[in-house]
PDB file of all heavy atoms in Angstrom:
ATOM      1  N   THR A   1       0.774  -1.210   0.027  1.00  0.00           N
ATOM      2  CA  THR A   1      -0.026  -0.017   0.022  1.00  0.00           C
ATOM      3  C   THR A   1       0.806   1.245   0.035  1.00  0.00           C
ATOM      4  O   THR A   1       0.495   2.232  -0.629  1.00  0.00           O
ATOM      5  CB  THR A   1      -1.006   0.145   1.252  1.00  0.00           C
ATOM      6  OG1 THR A   1      -0.073  -0.104   2.423  1.00  0.00           O
ATOM      7  CG2 THR A   1      -1.921  -1.094   1.119  1.00  0.00           C
ATOM      8  N   CYS A   2       1.967   1.243   0.680  1.00  0.00           N
ATOM      9  CA  CYS A   2       2.754   2.454   0.775  1.00  0.00           C
ATOM     10  C   CYS A   2       4.088   2.162   1.212  1.00  0.00           C
ATOM     11  O   CYS A   2       4.410   0.960   1.613  1.00  0.00           O
ATOM     12  CB  CYS A   2       2.158   3.529   1.732  1.00  0.00           C
ATOM     13  SG  CYS A   2       1.880   2.931   3.354  1.00  0.00           S
ATOM     14  N   SER A   3       5.043   3.125   1.176  1.00  0.00           N
ATOM     15  CA  SER A   3       6.493   2.806   1.609  1.00  0.00           C
ATOM     16  C   SER A   3       6.875   4.046   2.544  1.00  0.00           C
ATOM     17  O   SER A   3       6.333   5.036   2.499  1.00  0.00           O
ATOM     18  CB  SER A   3       7.301   2.718   0.375  1.00  0.00           C
ATOM     19  OG  SER A   3       7.247   3.995  -0.428  1.00  0.00           O
ATOM     20  N   LEU A   4       7.939   3.846   3.263  1.00  0.00           N
ATOM     21  CA  LEU A   4       8.390   4.690   4.102  1.00  0.00           C
ATOM     22  C   LEU A   4       9.579   5.609   3.355  1.00  0.00           C
ATOM     23  O   LEU A   4      10.462   5.092   2.664  1.00  0.00           O
ATOM     24  CB  LEU A   4       9.178   4.096   5.291  1.00  0.00           C
ATOM     25  CG  LEU A   4       8.188   3.411   6.313  1.00  0.00           C
ATOM     26  CD1 LEU A   4       9.075   2.684   7.322  1.00  0.00           C
ATOM     27  CD2 LEU A   4       7.213   4.471   6.967  1.00  0.00           C
ATOM     28  N   ILE A   5       9.375   6.903   3.412  1.00  0.00           N
ATOM     29  CA  ILE A   5      10.252   7.748   2.668  1.00  0.00           C
ATOM     30  C   ILE A   5      10.800   8.903   3.508  1.00  0.00           C
ATOM     31  O   ILE A   5      10.025   9.221   4.586  1.00  0.00           O
ATOM     32  CB  ILE A   5       9.778   8.411   1.373  1.00  0.00           C
ATOM     33  CG1 ILE A   5       8.500   9.206   1.667  1.00  0.00           C
ATOM     34  CG2 ILE A   5       9.412   7.391   0.404  1.00  0.00           C
ATOM     35  CD1 ILE A   5       8.036   9.951   0.546  1.00  0.00           C
ATOM     36  N   ASP A   6      11.914   9.534   3.268  1.00  0.00           N
ATOM     37  CA  ASP A   6      12.265  10.713   4.124  1.00  0.00           C
ATOM     38  C   ASP A   6      11.746  11.962   3.617  1.00  0.00           C
ATOM     39  O   ASP A   6      11.059  11.989   2.497  1.00  0.00           O
ATOM     40  CB  ASP A   6      13.816  10.800   4.213  1.00  0.00           C
ATOM     41  CG  ASP A   6      14.532  10.878   2.803  1.00  0.00           C
ATOM     42  OD1 ASP A   6      13.847  10.769   1.828  1.00  0.00           O
ATOM     43  OD2 ASP A   6      15.763  11.175   2.763  1.00  0.00           O
ATOM     44  N   ALA A   7      11.846  13.117   4.288  1.00  0.00           N
ATOM     45  CA  ALA A   7      11.215  14.379   3.995  1.00  0.00           C
ATOM     46  C   ALA A   7      11.625  14.888   2.715  1.00  0.00           C
ATOM     47  O   ALA A   7      11.040  15.550   1.917  1.00  0.00           O
ATOM     48  CB  ALA A   7      11.328  15.315   5.190  1.00  0.00           C
ATOM     49  N   GLU A   8      13.063  14.731   2.470  1.00  0.00           N
ATOM     50  CA  GLU A   8      13.639  15.205   1.318  1.00  0.00           C
ATOM     51  C   GLU A   8      13.268  14.546   0.107  1.00  0.00           C
ATOM     52  O   GLU A   8      12.855  15.232  -0.976  1.00  0.00           O
ATOM     53  CB  GLU A   8      15.169  15.069   1.303  1.00  0.00           C
ATOM     54  CG  GLU A   8      15.924  15.636   0.122  1.00  0.00           C
ATOM     55  CD  GLU A   8      17.526  15.464   0.275  1.00  0.00           C
ATOM     56  OE1 GLU A   8      18.058  15.425   1.344  1.00  0.00           O
ATOM     57  OE2 GLU A   8      18.092  15.158  -0.809  1.00  0.00           O
ATOM     58  N   ARG A   9      12.935  13.250   0.032  1.00  0.00           N
ATOM     59  CA  ARG A   9      12.410  12.549  -1.031  1.00  0.00           C
ATOM     60  C   ARG A   9      10.950  12.922  -1.442  1.00  0.00           C
ATOM     61  O   ARG A   9      10.524  13.057  -2.494  1.00  0.00           O
ATOM     62  CB  ARG A   9      12.619  11.089  -0.844  1.00  0.00           C
ATOM     63  CG  ARG A   9      12.147  10.234  -2.058  1.00  0.00           C
ATOM     64  CD  ARG A   9      12.443   8.875  -1.837  1.00  0.00           C
ATOM     65  NE  ARG A   9      11.918   7.964  -2.978  1.00  0.00           N
ATOM     66  CZ  ARG A   9      11.653   6.730  -2.946  1.00  0.00           C
ATOM     67  NH1 ARG A   9      11.962   6.035  -1.837  1.00  0.00           N
ATOM     68  NH2 ARG A   9      11.201   6.054  -3.968  1.00  0.00           N
ATOM     69  N   CYS A  10      10.216  13.195  -0.226  1.00  0.00           N
ATOM     70  CA  CYS A  10       8.766  13.698  -0.397  1.00  0.00           C
ATOM     71  C   CYS A  10       8.797  15.037  -1.077  1.00  0.00           C
ATOM     72  O   CYS A  10       7.954  15.268  -1.970  1.00  0.00           O
ATOM     73  CB  CYS A  10       8.131  13.684   1.013  1.00  0.00           C
ATOM     74  SG  CYS A  10       6.399  14.224   0.977  1.00  0.00           S
ATOM     75  N   THR A  11       9.657  15.852  -0.730  1.00  0.00           N
ATOM     76  CA  THR A  11       9.647  17.209  -1.287  1.00  0.00           C
ATOM     77  C   THR A  11      10.115  17.106  -2.763  1.00  0.00           C
ATOM     78  O   THR A  11       9.676  17.879  -3.565  1.00  0.00           O
ATOM     79  CB  THR A  11      10.792  18.043  -0.498  1.00  0.00           C
ATOM     80  OG1 THR A  11      10.295  18.077   0.943  1.00  0.00           O
ATOM     81  CG2 THR A  11      10.697  19.562  -1.007  1.00  0.00           C
ATOM     82  N   LYS A  12      11.052  16.143  -3.151  1.00  0.00           N
ATOM     83  CA  LYS A  12      11.474  16.094  -4.508  1.00  0.00           C
ATOM     84  C   LYS A  12      10.193  15.548  -5.377  1.00  0.00           C
ATOM     85  O   LYS A  12      10.189  15.890  -6.576  1.00  0.00           O
ATOM     86  CB  LYS A  12      12.546  14.959  -4.656  1.00  0.00           C
ATOM     87  CG  LYS A  12      13.881  15.601  -4.205  1.00  0.00           C
ATOM     88  CD  LYS A  12      15.009  14.608  -4.356  1.00  0.00           C
ATOM     89  CE  LYS A  12      16.327  15.166  -3.933  1.00  0.00           C
ATOM     90  NZ  LYS A  12      17.364  14.165  -3.948  1.00  0.00           N
ATOM     91  N   ARG A  13       9.285  14.929  -4.778  1.00  0.00           N
ATOM     92  CA  ARG A  13       8.089  14.410  -5.551  1.00  0.00           C
ATOM     93  C   ARG A  13       7.032  15.448  -5.385  1.00  0.00           C
ATOM     94  O   ARG A  13       5.836  15.246  -5.659  1.00  0.00           O
ATOM     95  CB  ARG A  13       7.504  13.137  -4.941  1.00  0.00           C
ATOM     96  CG  ARG A  13       8.645  12.001  -5.112  1.00  0.00           C
ATOM     97  CD  ARG A  13       8.252  10.741  -4.416  1.00  0.00           C
ATOM     98  NE  ARG A  13       7.279  10.019  -5.124  1.00  0.00           N
ATOM     99  CZ  ARG A  13       6.806   8.891  -4.650  1.00  0.00           C
ATOM    100  NH1 ARG A  13       7.091   8.423  -3.493  1.00  0.00           N
ATOM    101  NH2 ARG A  13       5.879   8.244  -5.489  1.00  0.00           N
ATOM    102  N   TYR A  14       7.391  16.770  -5.074  1.00  0.00           N
ATOM    103  CA  TYR A  14       6.505  17.875  -4.922  1.00  0.00           C
ATOM    104  C   TYR A  14       5.393  17.694  -3.784  1.00  0.00           C
ATOM    105  O   TYR A  14       4.254  18.150  -3.966  1.00  0.00           O
ATOM    106  CB  TYR A  14       5.849  18.160  -6.280  1.00  0.00           C
ATOM    107  CG  TYR A  14       6.868  18.577  -7.323  1.00  0.00           C
ATOM    108  CD1 TYR A  14       7.066  17.466  -8.368  1.00  0.00           C
ATOM    109  CD2 TYR A  14       7.640  19.616  -7.227  1.00  0.00           C
ATOM    110  CE1 TYR A  14       8.083  17.723  -9.223  1.00  0.00           C
ATOM    111  CE2 TYR A  14       8.561  19.835  -8.205  1.00  0.00           C
ATOM    112  CZ  TYR A  14       8.811  18.953  -9.245  1.00  0.00           C
ATOM    113  OH  TYR A  14       9.774  19.153 -10.195  1.00  0.00           O
ATOM    114  N   GLY A  15       5.818  17.083  -2.714  1.00  0.00           N
ATOM    115  CA  GLY A  15       4.847  16.775  -1.676  1.00  0.00           C
ATOM    116  C   GLY A  15       5.311  17.423  -0.327  1.00  0.00           C
ATOM    117  O   GLY A  15       6.471  18.016  -0.388  1.00  0.00           O
ATOM    118  N   ASN A  16       4.597  17.208   0.715  1.00  0.00           N
ATOM    119  CA  ASN A  16       5.003  17.721   2.092  1.00  0.00           C
ATOM    120  C   ASN A  16       4.623  16.713   3.061  1.00  0.00           C
ATOM    121  O   ASN A  16       3.691  15.998   2.974  1.00  0.00           O
ATOM    122  CB  ASN A  16       4.274  19.044   2.390  1.00  0.00           C
ATOM    123  CG  ASN A  16       4.601  20.167   1.374  1.00  0.00           C
ATOM    124  OD1 ASN A  16       5.776  20.474   1.238  1.00  0.00           O
ATOM    125  ND2 ASN A  16       3.566  20.837   0.799  1.00  0.00           N
ATOM    126  N   CYS A  17       5.582  16.596   4.102  1.00  0.00           N
ATOM    127  CA  CYS A  17       5.331  15.679   5.203  1.00  0.00           C
ATOM    128  C   CYS A  17       4.528  16.453   6.262  1.00  0.00           C
ATOM    129  O   CYS A  17       4.941  17.479   6.751  1.00  0.00           O
ATOM    130  CB  CYS A  17       6.603  15.269   5.823  1.00  0.00           C
ATOM    131  SG  CYS A  17       7.461  14.138   4.865  1.00  0.00           S
ATOM    132  N   ARG A  18       3.259  15.984   6.492  1.00  0.00           N
ATOM    133  CA  ARG A  18       2.382  16.568   7.391  1.00  0.00           C
ATOM    134  C   ARG A  18       1.733  15.508   8.275  1.00  0.00           C
ATOM    135  O   ARG A  18       1.650  14.342   7.888  1.00  0.00           O
ATOM    136  CB  ARG A  18       1.256  17.260   6.631  1.00  0.00           C
ATOM    137  CG  ARG A  18       1.813  18.403   5.800  1.00  0.00           C
ATOM    138  CD  ARG A  18       0.727  19.218   5.187  1.00  0.00           C
ATOM    139  NE  ARG A  18       1.380  20.278   4.408  1.00  0.00           N
ATOM    140  CZ  ARG A  18       0.822  20.836   3.444  1.00  0.00           C
ATOM    141  NH1 ARG A  18      -0.372  20.657   3.102  1.00  0.00           N
ATOM    142  NH2 ARG A  18       1.502  21.704   2.790  1.00  0.00           N
ATOM    143  N   ARG A  19       1.053  15.995   9.439  1.00  0.00           N
ATOM    144  CA  ARG A  19       0.295  15.169  10.198  1.00  0.00           C
ATOM    145  C   ARG A  19      -1.067  14.691   9.491  1.00  0.00           C
ATOM    146  O   ARG A  19      -1.510  13.557   9.601  1.00  0.00           O
ATOM    147  CB  ARG A  19      -0.013  15.551  11.456  1.00  0.00           C
ATOM    148  CG  ARG A  19       1.229  15.705  12.358  1.00  0.00           C
ATOM    149  CD  ARG A  19       0.874  16.117  13.805  1.00  0.00           C
ATOM    150  NE  ARG A  19       2.071  16.195  14.608  1.00  0.00           N
ATOM    151  CZ  ARG A  19       2.633  15.292  15.332  1.00  0.00           C
ATOM    152  NH1 ARG A  19       2.157  14.134  15.273  1.00  0.00           N
ATOM    153  NH2 ARG A  19       3.708  15.593  15.997  1.00  0.00           N
ATOM    154  N   ASN A  20      -1.572  15.680   8.818  1.00  0.00           N
ATOM    155  CA  ASN A  20      -2.962  15.246   8.063  1.00  0.00           C
ATOM    156  C   ASN A  20      -2.926  16.032   6.786  1.00  0.00           C
ATOM    157  O   ASN A  20      -2.433  17.263   6.702  1.00  0.00           O
ATOM    158  CB  ASN A  20      -4.229  15.898   8.905  1.00  0.00           C
ATOM    159  CG  ASN A  20      -4.336  15.291  10.213  1.00  0.00           C
ATOM    160  OD1 ASN A  20      -4.234  14.051  10.258  1.00  0.00           O
ATOM    161  ND2 ASN A  20      -4.643  15.952  11.211  1.00  0.00           N
ATOM    162  N   CYS A  21      -3.351  15.480   5.782  1.00  0.00           N
ATOM    163  CA  CYS A  21      -3.439  16.178   4.429  1.00  0.00           C
ATOM    164  C   CYS A  21      -4.637  16.964   4.373  1.00  0.00           C
ATOM    165  O   CYS A  21      -5.610  16.842   5.019  1.00  0.00           O
ATOM    166  CB  CYS A  21      -3.643  15.069   3.324  1.00  0.00           C
ATOM    167  SG  CYS A  21      -2.186  13.859   3.166  1.00  0.00           S
ATOM    168  N   TYR A  22      -4.462  18.088   3.569  1.00  0.00           N
ATOM    169  CA  TYR A  22      -5.554  18.949   3.369  1.00  0.00           C
ATOM    170  C   TYR A  22      -6.555  18.338   2.341  1.00  0.00           C
ATOM    171  O   TYR A  22      -6.334  17.293   1.880  1.00  0.00           O
ATOM    172  CB  TYR A  22      -4.945  20.256   2.632  1.00  0.00           C
ATOM    173  CG  TYR A  22      -4.111  21.110   3.565  1.00  0.00           C
ATOM    174  CD1 TYR A  22      -2.893  21.646   2.934  1.00  0.00           C
ATOM    175  CD2 TYR A  22      -4.439  21.392   4.862  1.00  0.00           C
ATOM    176  CE1 TYR A  22      -2.074  22.378   3.776  1.00  0.00           C
ATOM    177  CE2 TYR A  22      -3.593  22.105   5.586  1.00  0.00           C
ATOM    178  CZ  TYR A  22      -2.501  22.706   5.027  1.00  0.00           C
ATOM    179  OH  TYR A  22      -1.620  23.313   5.874  1.00  0.00           O
ATOM    180  N   LYS A  23      -7.821  18.938   2.258  1.00  0.00           N
ATOM    181  CA  LYS A  23      -8.863  18.344   1.460  1.00  0.00           C
ATOM    182  C   LYS A  23      -8.441  18.114   0.013  1.00  0.00           C
ATOM    183  O   LYS A  23      -8.873  17.350  -0.634  1.00  0.00           O
ATOM    184  CB  LYS A  23     -10.054  19.258   1.517  1.00  0.00           C
ATOM    185  CG  LYS A  23     -10.765  19.150   2.936  1.00  0.00           C
ATOM    186  CD  LYS A  23     -12.022  19.907   2.975  1.00  0.00           C
ATOM    187  CE  LYS A  23     -12.725  19.874   4.356  1.00  0.00           C
ATOM    188  NZ  LYS A  23     -13.885  20.611   4.455  1.00  0.00           N
ATOM    189  N   LYS A  24      -7.561  19.027  -0.516  1.00  0.00           N
ATOM    190  CA  LYS A  24      -7.191  18.957  -1.907  1.00  0.00           C
ATOM    191  C   LYS A  24      -5.907  18.198  -2.151  1.00  0.00           C
ATOM    192  O   LYS A  24      -5.227  18.268  -3.168  1.00  0.00           O
ATOM    193  CB  LYS A  24      -7.062  20.401  -2.489  1.00  0.00           C
ATOM    194  CG  LYS A  24      -8.392  21.114  -2.582  1.00  0.00           C
ATOM    195  CD  LYS A  24      -8.248  22.416  -3.394  1.00  0.00           C
ATOM    196  CE  LYS A  24      -9.626  23.034  -3.619  1.00  0.00           C
ATOM    197  NZ  LYS A  24      -9.476  24.216  -4.486  1.00  0.00           N
ATOM    198  N   GLU A  25      -5.599  17.359  -1.121  1.00  0.00           N
ATOM    199  CA  GLU A  25      -4.269  16.634  -1.201  1.00  0.00           C
ATOM    200  C   GLU A  25      -4.584  15.147  -0.986  1.00  0.00           C
ATOM    201  O   GLU A  25      -5.623  14.879  -0.458  1.00  0.00           O
ATOM    202  CB  GLU A  25      -3.311  17.087  -0.202  1.00  0.00           C
ATOM    203  CG  GLU A  25      -2.770  18.561  -0.299  1.00  0.00           C
ATOM    204  CD  GLU A  25      -1.748  18.919   0.758  1.00  0.00           C
ATOM    205  OE1 GLU A  25      -1.841  18.327   1.899  1.00  0.00           O
ATOM    206  OE2 GLU A  25      -0.881  19.658   0.447  1.00  0.00           O
ATOM    207  N   LYS A  26      -3.717  14.366  -1.482  1.00  0.00           N
ATOM    208  CA  LYS A  26      -3.818  12.934  -1.234  1.00  0.00           C
ATOM    209  C   LYS A  26      -2.593  12.369  -0.556  1.00  0.00           C
ATOM    210  O   LYS A  26      -1.535  12.837  -0.882  1.00  0.00           O
ATOM    211  CB  LYS A  26      -4.248  12.146  -2.495  1.00  0.00           C
ATOM    212  CG  LYS A  26      -3.106  12.026  -3.613  1.00  0.00           C
ATOM    213  CD  LYS A  26      -3.483  11.203  -4.700  1.00  0.00           C
ATOM    214  CE  LYS A  26      -2.352  11.074  -5.605  1.00  0.00           C
ATOM    215  NZ  LYS A  26      -2.544   9.966  -6.574  1.00  0.00           N
ATOM    216  N   GLN A  27      -2.777  11.311   0.188  1.00  0.00           N
ATOM    217  CA  GLN A  27      -1.635  10.714   0.756  1.00  0.00           C
ATOM    218  C   GLN A  27      -0.943   9.695  -0.254  1.00  0.00           C
ATOM    219  O   GLN A  27      -1.581   8.992  -0.898  1.00  0.00           O
ATOM    220  CB  GLN A  27      -2.066   9.799   1.970  1.00  0.00           C
ATOM    221  CG  GLN A  27      -0.943   9.019   2.624  1.00  0.00           C
ATOM    222  CD  GLN A  27      -1.483   8.233   3.719  1.00  0.00           C
ATOM    223  OE1 GLN A  27      -2.526   8.327   4.166  1.00  0.00           O
ATOM    224  NE2 GLN A  27      -0.621   7.249   4.194  1.00  0.00           N
ATOM    225  N   ILE A  28       0.366   9.949  -0.372  1.00  0.00           N
ATOM    226  CA  ILE A  28       1.129   9.036  -1.364  1.00  0.00           C
ATOM    227  C   ILE A  28       2.084   8.119  -0.639  1.00  0.00           C
ATOM    228  O   ILE A  28       2.320   7.013  -1.115  1.00  0.00           O
ATOM    229  CB  ILE A  28       1.867   9.911  -2.455  1.00  0.00           C
ATOM    230  CG1 ILE A  28       2.716  10.982  -1.843  1.00  0.00           C
ATOM    231  CG2 ILE A  28       0.868  10.623  -3.323  1.00  0.00           C
ATOM    232  CD1 ILE A  28       3.623  11.621  -2.793  1.00  0.00           C
ATOM    233  N   ASP A  29       2.625   8.538   0.552  1.00  0.00           N
ATOM    234  CA  ASP A  29       3.491   7.671   1.219  1.00  0.00           C
ATOM    235  C   ASP A  29       3.521   8.063   2.716  1.00  0.00           C
ATOM    236  O   ASP A  29       2.954   8.975   3.048  1.00  0.00           O
ATOM    237  CB  ASP A  29       4.990   7.822   0.625  1.00  0.00           C
ATOM    238  CG  ASP A  29       5.181   7.025  -0.589  1.00  0.00           C
ATOM    239  OD1 ASP A  29       4.708   5.824  -0.609  1.00  0.00           O
ATOM    240  OD2 ASP A  29       5.824   7.545  -1.463  1.00  0.00           O
ATOM    241  N   ILE A  30       4.305   7.292   3.491  1.00  0.00           N
ATOM    242  CA  ILE A  30       4.561   7.636   4.890  1.00  0.00           C
ATOM    243  C   ILE A  30       5.922   8.013   5.209  1.00  0.00           C
ATOM    244  O   ILE A  30       6.911   7.486   4.696  1.00  0.00           O
ATOM    245  CB  ILE A  30       4.209   6.307   5.819  1.00  0.00           C
ATOM    246  CG1 ILE A  30       2.835   5.803   5.586  1.00  0.00           C
ATOM    247  CG2 ILE A  30       4.460   6.639   7.294  1.00  0.00           C
ATOM    248  CD1 ILE A  30       2.493   4.415   6.352  1.00  0.00           C
ATOM    249  N   CYS A  31       6.101   9.229   5.854  1.00  0.00           N
ATOM    250  CA  CYS A  31       7.370   9.757   6.163  1.00  0.00           C
ATOM    251  C   CYS A  31       8.044   9.152   7.326  1.00  0.00           C
ATOM    252  O   CYS A  31       7.340   8.576   8.188  1.00  0.00           O
ATOM    253  CB  CYS A  31       7.147  11.299   6.391  1.00  0.00           C
ATOM    254  SG  CYS A  31       6.691  12.232   5.047  1.00  0.00           S
ATOM    255  N   PHE A  32       9.334   9.179   7.398  1.00  0.00           N
ATOM    256  CA  PHE A  32      10.168   8.701   8.498  1.00  0.00           C
ATOM    257  C   PHE A  32       9.715   9.394   9.847  1.00  0.00           C
ATOM    258  O   PHE A  32       9.913   8.825  10.852  1.00  0.00           O
ATOM    259  CB  PHE A  32      11.499   8.693   8.287  1.00  0.00           C
ATOM    260  CG  PHE A  32      12.067   7.697   7.305  1.00  0.00           C
ATOM    261  CD1 PHE A  32      12.905   7.977   6.338  1.00  0.00           C
ATOM    262  CD2 PHE A  32      11.836   6.260   7.604  1.00  0.00           C
ATOM    263  CE1 PHE A  32      13.429   7.018   5.469  1.00  0.00           C
ATOM    264  CE2 PHE A  32      12.228   5.450   6.721  1.00  0.00           C
ATOM    265  CZ  PHE A  32      13.080   5.741   5.616  1.00  0.00           C
ATOM    266  N   SER A  33       9.385  10.655   9.705  1.00  0.00           N
ATOM    267  CA  SER A  33       9.092  11.424  10.868  1.00  0.00           C
ATOM    268  C   SER A  33       7.876  10.807  11.651  1.00  0.00           C
ATOM    269  O   SER A  33       7.022  10.098  11.114  1.00  0.00           O
ATOM    270  CB  SER A  33       8.542  12.890  10.526  1.00  0.00           C
ATOM    271  OG  SER A  33       9.651  13.469   9.746  1.00  0.00           O
ATOM    272  N   VAL A  34       7.890  11.048  12.920  1.00  0.00           N
ATOM    273  CA  VAL A  34       6.760  10.447  13.750  1.00  0.00           C
ATOM    274  C   VAL A  34       5.394  10.888  13.286  1.00  0.00           C
ATOM    275  O   VAL A  34       5.203  12.127  13.352  1.00  0.00           O
ATOM    276  CB  VAL A  34       7.072  10.660  15.201  1.00  0.00           C
ATOM    277  CG1 VAL A  34       5.919  10.171  16.117  1.00  0.00           C
ATOM    278  CG2 VAL A  34       8.395  10.249  15.627  1.00  0.00           C
ATOM    279  N   ARG A  35       4.577  10.024  13.044  1.00  0.00           N
ATOM    280  CA  ARG A  35       3.030  10.342  12.760  1.00  0.00           C
ATOM    281  C   ARG A  35       2.897  11.288  11.541  1.00  0.00           C
ATOM    282  O   ARG A  35       2.028  12.169  11.645  1.00  0.00           O
ATOM    283  CB  ARG A  35       2.332  10.790  13.914  1.00  0.00           C
ATOM    284  CG  ARG A  35       2.241   9.731  15.021  1.00  0.00           C
ATOM    285  CD  ARG A  35       1.436  10.216  16.149  1.00  0.00           C
ATOM    286  NE  ARG A  35       1.404   9.305  17.208  1.00  0.00           N
ATOM    287  CZ  ARG A  35       0.975   9.628  18.420  1.00  0.00           C
ATOM    288  NH1 ARG A  35       0.425  10.696  18.686  1.00  0.00           N
ATOM    289  NH2 ARG A  35       1.032   8.592  19.333  1.00  0.00           N
TER     290      ARG A  35
END
């Protein structure tokens, strides 16, 4: 279903590591950061 990535890799994919996604965003992976 998903993989663990670091914040830098998430940013390179034009995403952001957050606790909750906004309504106009979708979850693509899980960050190494806690929750």
